[in-house]
PDB file of N, CA and C in Angstrom:
ATOM      1  N   MET A   1      13.498  15.460   3.875  1.00  0.00           N
ATOM      2  CA  MET A   1      12.046  15.380   3.772  1.00  0.00           C
ATOM      3  C   MET A   1      11.456  15.605   5.160  1.00  0.00           C
ATOM      4  N   SER A   2      10.411  16.376   5.231  1.00  0.00           N
ATOM      5  CA  SER A   2       9.778  16.656   6.514  1.00  0.00           C
ATOM      6  C   SER A   2       8.953  15.455   6.975  1.00  0.00           C
ATOM      7  N   LYS A   3       8.649  15.457   8.250  1.00  0.00           N
ATOM      8  CA  LYS A   3       7.852  14.370   8.815  1.00  0.00           C
ATOM      9  C   LYS A   3       6.474  14.316   8.166  1.00  0.00           C
ATOM     10  N   LYS A   4       5.922  15.480   7.890  1.00  0.00           N
ATOM     11  CA  LYS A   4       4.596  15.549   7.270  1.00  0.00           C
ATOM     12  C   LYS A   4       4.612  14.870   5.901  1.00  0.00           C
ATOM     13  N   ASN A   5       5.641  15.143   5.097  1.00  0.00           N
ATOM     14  CA  ASN A   5       5.729  14.533   3.775  1.00  0.00           C
ATOM     15  C   ASN A   5       5.953  13.034   3.845  1.00  0.00           C
ATOM     16  N   SER A   6       6.760  12.576   4.815  1.00  0.00           N
ATOM     17  CA  SER A   6       7.017  11.142   4.913  1.00  0.00           C
ATOM     18  C   SER A   6       5.745  10.387   5.299  1.00  0.00           C
ATOM     19  N   LEU A   7       4.912  10.996   6.134  1.00  0.00           N
ATOM     20  CA  LEU A   7       3.654  10.357   6.503  1.00  0.00           C
ATOM     21  C   LEU A   7       2.686  10.350   5.326  1.00  0.00           C
ATOM     22  N   LYS A   8       2.730  11.410   4.542  1.00  0.00           N
ATOM     23  CA  LYS A   8       1.836  11.533   3.399  1.00  0.00           C
ATOM     24  C   LYS A   8       2.147  10.469   2.340  1.00  0.00           C
ATOM     25  N   ASN A   9       3.426  10.101   2.216  1.00  0.00           N
ATOM     26  CA  ASN A   9       3.839   9.152   1.189  1.00  0.00           C
ATOM     27  C   ASN A   9       3.608   7.697   1.584  1.00  0.00           C
ATOM     28  N   LYS A  10       3.331   7.445   2.847  1.00  0.00           N
ATOM     29  CA  LYS A  10       3.087   6.065   3.275  1.00  0.00           C
ATOM     30  C   LYS A  10       1.711   5.626   2.795  1.00  0.00           C
ATOM     31  N   LYS A  11       1.665   4.410   2.296  1.00  0.00           N
ATOM     32  CA  LYS A  11       0.405   3.864   1.816  1.00  0.00           C
ATOM     33  C   LYS A  11      -0.279   3.110   2.946  1.00  0.00           C
ATOM     34  N   LYS A  12      -1.600   3.176   2.960  1.00  0.00           N
ATOM     35  CA  LYS A  12      -2.365   2.412   3.941  1.00  0.00           C
ATOM     36  C   LYS A  12      -2.348   0.951   3.533  1.00  0.00           C
ATOM     37  N   LYS A  13      -2.122   0.093   4.518  1.00  0.00           N
ATOM     38  CA  LYS A  13      -2.127  -1.341   4.264  1.00  0.00           C
ATOM     39  C   LYS A  13      -3.573  -1.814   4.220  1.00  0.00           C
ATOM     40  N   ILE A  14      -3.890  -2.583   3.230  1.00  0.00           N
ATOM     41  CA  ILE A  14      -5.215  -3.165   3.122  1.00  0.00           C
ATOM     42  C   ILE A  14      -5.253  -4.392   4.019  1.00  0.00           C
ATOM     43  N   GLU A  15      -6.208  -4.417   4.946  1.00  0.00           N
ATOM     44  CA  GLU A  15      -6.306  -5.529   5.888  1.00  0.00           C
ATOM     45  C   GLU A  15      -6.838  -6.762   5.180  1.00  0.00           C
ATOM     46  N   THR A  16      -6.113  -7.855   5.330  1.00  0.00           N
ATOM     47  CA  THR A  16      -6.503  -9.119   4.710  1.00  0.00           C
ATOM     48  C   THR A  16      -7.229  -9.994   5.727  1.00  0.00           C
ATOM     49  N   ILE A  17      -7.769 -11.093   5.253  1.00  0.00           N
ATOM     50  CA  ILE A  17      -8.433 -12.038   6.146  1.00  0.00           C
ATOM     51  C   ILE A  17      -7.420 -12.610   7.139  1.00  0.00           C
ATOM     52  N   GLU A  18      -6.170 -12.796   6.692  1.00  0.00           N
ATOM     53  CA  GLU A  18      -5.127 -13.298   7.590  1.00  0.00           C
ATOM     54  C   GLU A  18      -4.858 -12.309   8.723  1.00  0.00           C
ATOM     55  N   ASP A  19      -4.892 -11.016   8.416  1.00  0.00           N
ATOM     56  CA  ASP A  19      -4.723  -9.995   9.461  1.00  0.00           C
ATOM     57  C   ASP A  19      -5.847 -10.091  10.487  1.00  0.00           C
ATOM     58  N   GLN A  20      -7.060 -10.268  10.002  1.00  0.00           N
ATOM     59  CA  GLN A  20      -8.205 -10.404  10.904  1.00  0.00           C
ATOM     60  C   GLN A  20      -8.052 -11.635  11.777  1.00  0.00           C
ATOM     61  N   TRP A  21      -7.656 -12.758  11.162  1.00  0.00           N
ATOM     62  CA  TRP A  21      -7.458 -13.989  11.913  1.00  0.00           C
ATOM     63  C   TRP A  21      -6.366 -13.813  12.965  1.00  0.00           C
ATOM     64  N   LYS A  22      -5.311 -13.095  12.608  1.00  0.00           N
ATOM     65  CA  LYS A  22      -4.195 -12.898  13.531  1.00  0.00           C
ATOM     66  C   LYS A  22      -4.676 -12.235  14.819  1.00  0.00           C
ATOM     67  N   TYR A  23      -5.478 -11.192  14.681  1.00  0.00           N
ATOM     68  CA  TYR A  23      -6.006 -10.514  15.868  1.00  0.00           C
ATOM     69  C   TYR A  23      -6.988 -11.402  16.629  1.00  0.00           C
ATOM     70  N   GLU A  24      -7.834 -12.120  15.906  1.00  0.00           N
ATOM     71  CA  GLU A  24      -8.801 -13.009  16.559  1.00  0.00           C
ATOM     72  C   GLU A  24      -8.083 -14.105  17.352  1.00  0.00           C
ATOM     73  N   ILE A  25      -7.078 -14.712  16.746  1.00  0.00           N
ATOM     74  CA  ILE A  25      -6.346 -15.793  17.401  1.00  0.00           C
ATOM     75  C   ILE A  25      -5.581 -15.262  18.605  1.00  0.00           C
ATOM     76  N   ALA A  26      -4.971 -14.097  18.473  1.00  0.00           N
ATOM     77  CA  ALA A  26      -4.257 -13.498  19.608  1.00  0.00           C
ATOM     78  C   ALA A  26      -5.216 -13.307  20.786  1.00  0.00           C
ATOM     79  N   ALA A  27      -6.422 -12.847  20.491  1.00  0.00           N
ATOM     80  CA  ALA A  27      -7.425 -12.659  21.544  1.00  0.00           C
ATOM     81  C   ALA A  27      -7.816 -14.006  22.149  1.00  0.00           C
ATOM     82  N   GLU A  28      -8.026 -15.019  21.297  1.00  0.00           N
ATOM     83  CA  GLU A  28      -8.410 -16.346  21.778  1.00  0.00           C
ATOM     84  C   GLU A  28      -7.333 -16.950  22.682  1.00  0.00           C
ATOM     85  N   LEU A  29      -6.070 -16.646  22.400  1.00  0.00           N
ATOM     86  CA  LEU A  29      -4.962 -17.183  23.189  1.00  0.00           C
ATOM     87  C   LEU A  29      -4.637 -16.309  24.399  1.00  0.00           C
ATOM     88  N   GLY A  30      -5.397 -15.231  24.574  1.00  0.00           N
ATOM     89  CA  GLY A  30      -5.162 -14.349  25.712  1.00  0.00           C
ATOM     90  C   GLY A  30      -3.971 -13.421  25.529  1.00  0.00           C
ATOM     91  N   LEU A  31      -3.610 -13.149  24.271  1.00  0.00           N
ATOM     92  CA  LEU A  31      -2.432 -12.333  23.980  1.00  0.00           C
ATOM     93  C   LEU A  31      -2.773 -10.932  23.486  1.00  0.00           C
ATOM     94  N   ALA A  32      -4.050 -10.609  23.401  1.00  0.00           N
ATOM     95  CA  ALA A  32      -4.461  -9.322  22.832  1.00  0.00           C
ATOM     96  C   ALA A  32      -3.909  -8.146  23.636  1.00  0.00           C
ATOM     97  N   ASP A  33      -3.940  -8.239  24.955  1.00  0.00           N
ATOM     98  CA  ASP A  33      -3.418  -7.148  25.778  1.00  0.00           C
ATOM     99  C   ASP A  33      -1.918  -6.971  25.576  1.00  0.00           C
ATOM    100  N   LYS A  34      -1.209  -8.082  25.468  1.00  0.00           N
ATOM    101  CA  LYS A  34       0.241  -8.029  25.260  1.00  0.00           C
ATOM    102  C   LYS A  34       0.566  -7.392  23.906  1.00  0.00           C
ATOM    103  N   VAL A  35      -0.192  -7.750  22.873  1.00  0.00           N
ATOM    104  CA  VAL A  35       0.009  -7.173  21.542  1.00  0.00           C
ATOM    105  C   VAL A  35      -0.281  -5.675  21.577  1.00  0.00           C
ATOM    106  N   GLU A  36      -1.360  -5.306  22.258  1.00  0.00           N
ATOM    107  CA  GLU A  36      -1.728  -3.892  22.348  1.00  0.00           C
ATOM    108  C   GLU A  36      -0.660  -3.080  23.085  1.00  0.00           C
ATOM    109  N   GLN A  37      -0.101  -3.672  24.129  1.00  0.00           N
ATOM    110  CA  GLN A  37       0.886  -2.959  24.935  1.00  0.00           C
ATOM    111  C   GLN A  37       2.262  -2.904  24.274  1.00  0.00           C
ATOM    112  N   PHE A  38       2.725  -4.032  23.712  1.00  0.00           N
ATOM    113  CA  PHE A  38       4.094  -4.121  23.204  1.00  0.00           C
ATOM    114  C   PHE A  38       4.192  -4.243  21.687  1.00  0.00           C
ATOM    115  N   GLY A  39       3.073  -4.454  21.009  1.00  0.00           N
ATOM    116  CA  GLY A  39       3.106  -4.684  19.567  1.00  0.00           C
ATOM    117  C   GLY A  39       3.419  -6.140  19.277  1.00  0.00           C
ATOM    118  N   TRP A  40       3.388  -6.505  18.002  1.00  0.00           N
ATOM    119  CA  TRP A  40       3.621  -7.898  17.613  1.00  0.00           C
ATOM    120  C   TRP A  40       5.034  -8.326  17.958  1.00  0.00           C
ATOM    121  N   GLY A  41       5.983  -7.391  17.954  1.00  0.00           N
ATOM    122  CA  GLY A  41       7.369  -7.705  18.283  1.00  0.00           C
ATOM    123  C   GLY A  41       7.570  -8.059  19.741  1.00  0.00           C
ATOM    124  N   GLY A  42       6.592  -7.792  20.585  1.00  0.00           N
ATOM    125  CA  GLY A  42       6.685  -8.102  21.999  1.00  0.00           C
ATOM    126  C   GLY A  42       6.327  -9.540  22.339  1.00  0.00           C
ATOM    127  N   LEU A  43       5.873 -10.290  21.339  1.00  0.00           N
ATOM    128  CA  LEU A  43       5.523 -11.689  21.570  1.00  0.00           C
ATOM    129  C   LEU A  43       6.762 -12.569  21.454  1.00  0.00           C
ATOM    130  N   THR A  44       6.726 -13.692  22.136  1.00  0.00           N
ATOM    131  CA  THR A  44       7.821 -14.648  22.036  1.00  0.00           C
ATOM    132  C   THR A  44       7.696 -15.423  20.719  1.00  0.00           C
ATOM    133  N   ALA A  45       8.779 -16.097  20.355  1.00  0.00           N
ATOM    134  CA  ALA A  45       8.751 -16.921  19.145  1.00  0.00           C
ATOM    135  C   ALA A  45       7.705 -18.019  19.264  1.00  0.00           C
ATOM    136  N   LYS A  46       7.551 -18.558  20.459  1.00  0.00           N
ATOM    137  CA  LYS A  46       6.555 -19.611  20.678  1.00  0.00           C
ATOM    138  C   LYS A  46       5.146 -19.068  20.453  1.00  0.00           C
ATOM    139  N   GLU A  47       4.890 -17.871  20.955  1.00  0.00           N
ATOM    140  CA  GLU A  47       3.558 -17.271  20.806  1.00  0.00           C
ATOM    141  C   GLU A  47       3.256 -16.950  19.346  1.00  0.00           C
ATOM    142  N   THR A  48       4.216 -16.358  18.645  1.00  0.00           N
ATOM    143  CA  THR A  48       3.980 -16.024  17.238  1.00  0.00           C
ATOM    144  C   THR A  48       3.868 -17.287  16.391  1.00  0.00           C
ATOM    145  N   GLY A  49       4.632 -18.310  16.749  1.00  0.00           N
ATOM    146  CA  GLY A  49       4.537 -19.578  16.034  1.00  0.00           C
ATOM    147  C   GLY A  49       3.173 -20.212  16.202  1.00  0.00           C
ATOM    148  N   ARG A  50       2.638 -20.117  17.396  1.00  0.00           N
ATOM    149  CA  ARG A  50       1.300 -20.662  17.676  1.00  0.00           C
ATOM    150  C   ARG A  50       0.247 -19.926  16.847  1.00  0.00           C
ATOM    151  N   ILE A  51       0.357 -18.611  16.807  1.00  0.00           N
ATOM    152  CA  ILE A  51      -0.584 -17.811  16.013  1.00  0.00           C
ATOM    153  C   ILE A  51      -0.462 -18.189  14.539  1.00  0.00           C
ATOM    154  N   GLY A  52       0.776 -18.274  14.040  1.00  0.00           N
ATOM    155  CA  GLY A  52       0.995 -18.637  12.636  1.00  0.00           C
ATOM    156  C   GLY A  52       0.449 -20.010  12.301  1.00  0.00           C
ATOM    157  N   GLY A  53       0.634 -20.946  13.218  1.00  0.00           N
ATOM    158  CA  GLY A  53       0.119 -22.300  12.997  1.00  0.00           C
ATOM    159  C   GLY A  53      -1.393 -22.324  12.913  1.00  0.00           C
ATOM    160  N   LEU A  54      -2.039 -21.558  13.776  1.00  0.00           N
ATOM    161  CA  LEU A  54      -3.503 -21.519  13.763  1.00  0.00           C
ATOM    162  C   LEU A  54      -4.037 -20.780  12.534  1.00  0.00           C
ATOM    163  N   ILE A  55      -3.297 -19.794  12.049  1.00  0.00           N
ATOM    164  CA  ILE A  55      -3.684 -19.123  10.798  1.00  0.00           C
ATOM    165  C   ILE A  55      -3.632 -20.133   9.651  1.00  0.00           C
ATOM    166  N   THR A  56      -2.600 -20.966   9.634  1.00  0.00           N
ATOM    167  CA  THR A  56      -2.463 -21.986   8.596  1.00  0.00           C
ATOM    168  C   THR A  56      -3.639 -22.962   8.637  1.00  0.00           C
ATOM    169  N   VAL A  57      -4.040 -23.355   9.840  1.00  0.00           N
ATOM    170  CA  VAL A  57      -5.183 -24.252   9.994  1.00  0.00           C
ATOM    171  C   VAL A  57      -6.444 -23.596   9.423  1.00  0.00           C
ATOM    172  N   ARG A  58      -6.640 -22.319   9.752  1.00  0.00           N
ATOM    173  CA  ARG A  58      -7.839 -21.618   9.254  1.00  0.00           C
ATOM    174  C   ARG A  58      -7.803 -21.484   7.731  1.00  0.00           C
ATOM    175  N   LYS A  59      -6.622 -21.245   7.167  1.00  0.00           N
ATOM    176  CA  LYS A  59      -6.499 -21.159   5.703  1.00  0.00           C
ATOM    177  C   LYS A  59      -6.906 -22.474   5.057  1.00  0.00           C
ATOM    178  N   LYS A  60      -6.401 -23.571   5.611  1.00  0.00           N
ATOM    179  CA  LYS A  60      -6.735 -24.886   5.063  1.00  0.00           C
ATOM    180  C   LYS A  60      -8.227 -25.156   5.152  1.00  0.00           C
ATOM    181  N   GLN A  61      -8.824 -24.825   6.299  1.00  0.00           N
ATOM    182  CA  GLN A  61     -10.263 -25.025   6.468  1.00  0.00           C
ATOM    183  C   GLN A  61     -11.052 -24.169   5.481  1.00  0.00           C
ATOM    184  N   SER A  62     -10.610 -22.936   5.288  1.00  0.00           N
ATOM    185  CA  SER A  62     -11.281 -22.034   4.350  1.00  0.00           C
ATOM    186  C   SER A  62     -11.166 -22.547   2.922  1.00  0.00           C
ATOM    187  N   ASN A  63      -9.978 -23.037   2.557  1.00  0.00           N
ATOM    188  CA  ASN A  63      -9.792 -23.570   1.209  1.00  0.00           C
ATOM    189  C   ASN A  63     -10.629 -24.812   0.976  1.00  0.00           C
ATOM    190  N   GLN A  64     -10.722 -25.673   1.987  1.00  0.00           N
ATOM    191  CA  GLN A  64     -11.532 -26.881   1.847  1.00  0.00           C
ATOM    192  C   GLN A  64     -13.008 -26.525   1.694  1.00  0.00           C
ATOM    193  N   LYS A  65     -13.443 -25.543   2.460  1.00  0.00           N
ATOM    194  CA  LYS A  65     -14.844 -25.099   2.385  1.00  0.00           C
ATOM    195  C   LYS A  65     -15.138 -24.532   1.005  1.00  0.00           C
ATOM    196  N   ASN A  66     -14.229 -23.703   0.497  1.00  0.00           N
ATOM    197  CA  ASN A  66     -14.407 -23.106  -0.826  1.00  0.00           C
ATOM    198  C   ASN A  66     -14.377 -24.155  -1.925  1.00  0.00           C
ATOM    199  N   THR A  67     -13.563 -25.186  -1.780  1.00  0.00           N
ATOM    200  CA  THR A  67     -13.475 -26.245  -2.779  1.00  0.00           C
ATOM    201  C   THR A  67     -14.769 -27.046  -2.822  1.00  0.00           C
ATOM    202  N   MET A  68     -15.334 -27.301  -1.660  1.00  0.00           N
ATOM    203  CA  MET A  68     -16.590 -28.064  -1.600  1.00  0.00           C
ATOM    204  C   MET A  68     -17.764 -27.268  -2.159  1.00  0.00           C
ATOM    205  N   GLU A  69     -17.746 -25.959  -1.942  1.00  0.00           N
ATOM    206  CA  GLU A  69     -18.851 -25.109  -2.407  1.00  0.00           C
ATOM    207  C   GLU A  69     -18.769 -24.860  -3.912  1.00  0.00           C
ATOM    208  N   GLY A  70     -17.552 -24.759  -4.434  1.00  0.00           N
ATOM    209  CA  GLY A  70     -17.385 -24.345  -5.825  1.00  0.00           C
ATOM    210  C   GLY A  70     -17.180 -25.483  -6.715  1.00  0.00           C
TER     211      GLY A  70
END
C-alpha cells in the first residue's frame, strides 16, 4: 500500500473534553512546550500521572455539576 493510501484510510480522531483538559492541564503545569517538542511520550511517568489525576478531578467536578443541574 502506498503512503498516500495509508494516510487516506486513517480516520480523524474526534477531540473529546478529556483531550481539551489534557492540553489545558499540561499548559497549567508548564509542560506545553515539552509536549510540543517531544510529544506526549516525552513526558515522565510522574508528569503524565499528574495530568491524569487532574483530569480525573475535573471529570468528578463536571459530573457533580451535571448532577446538581439535572
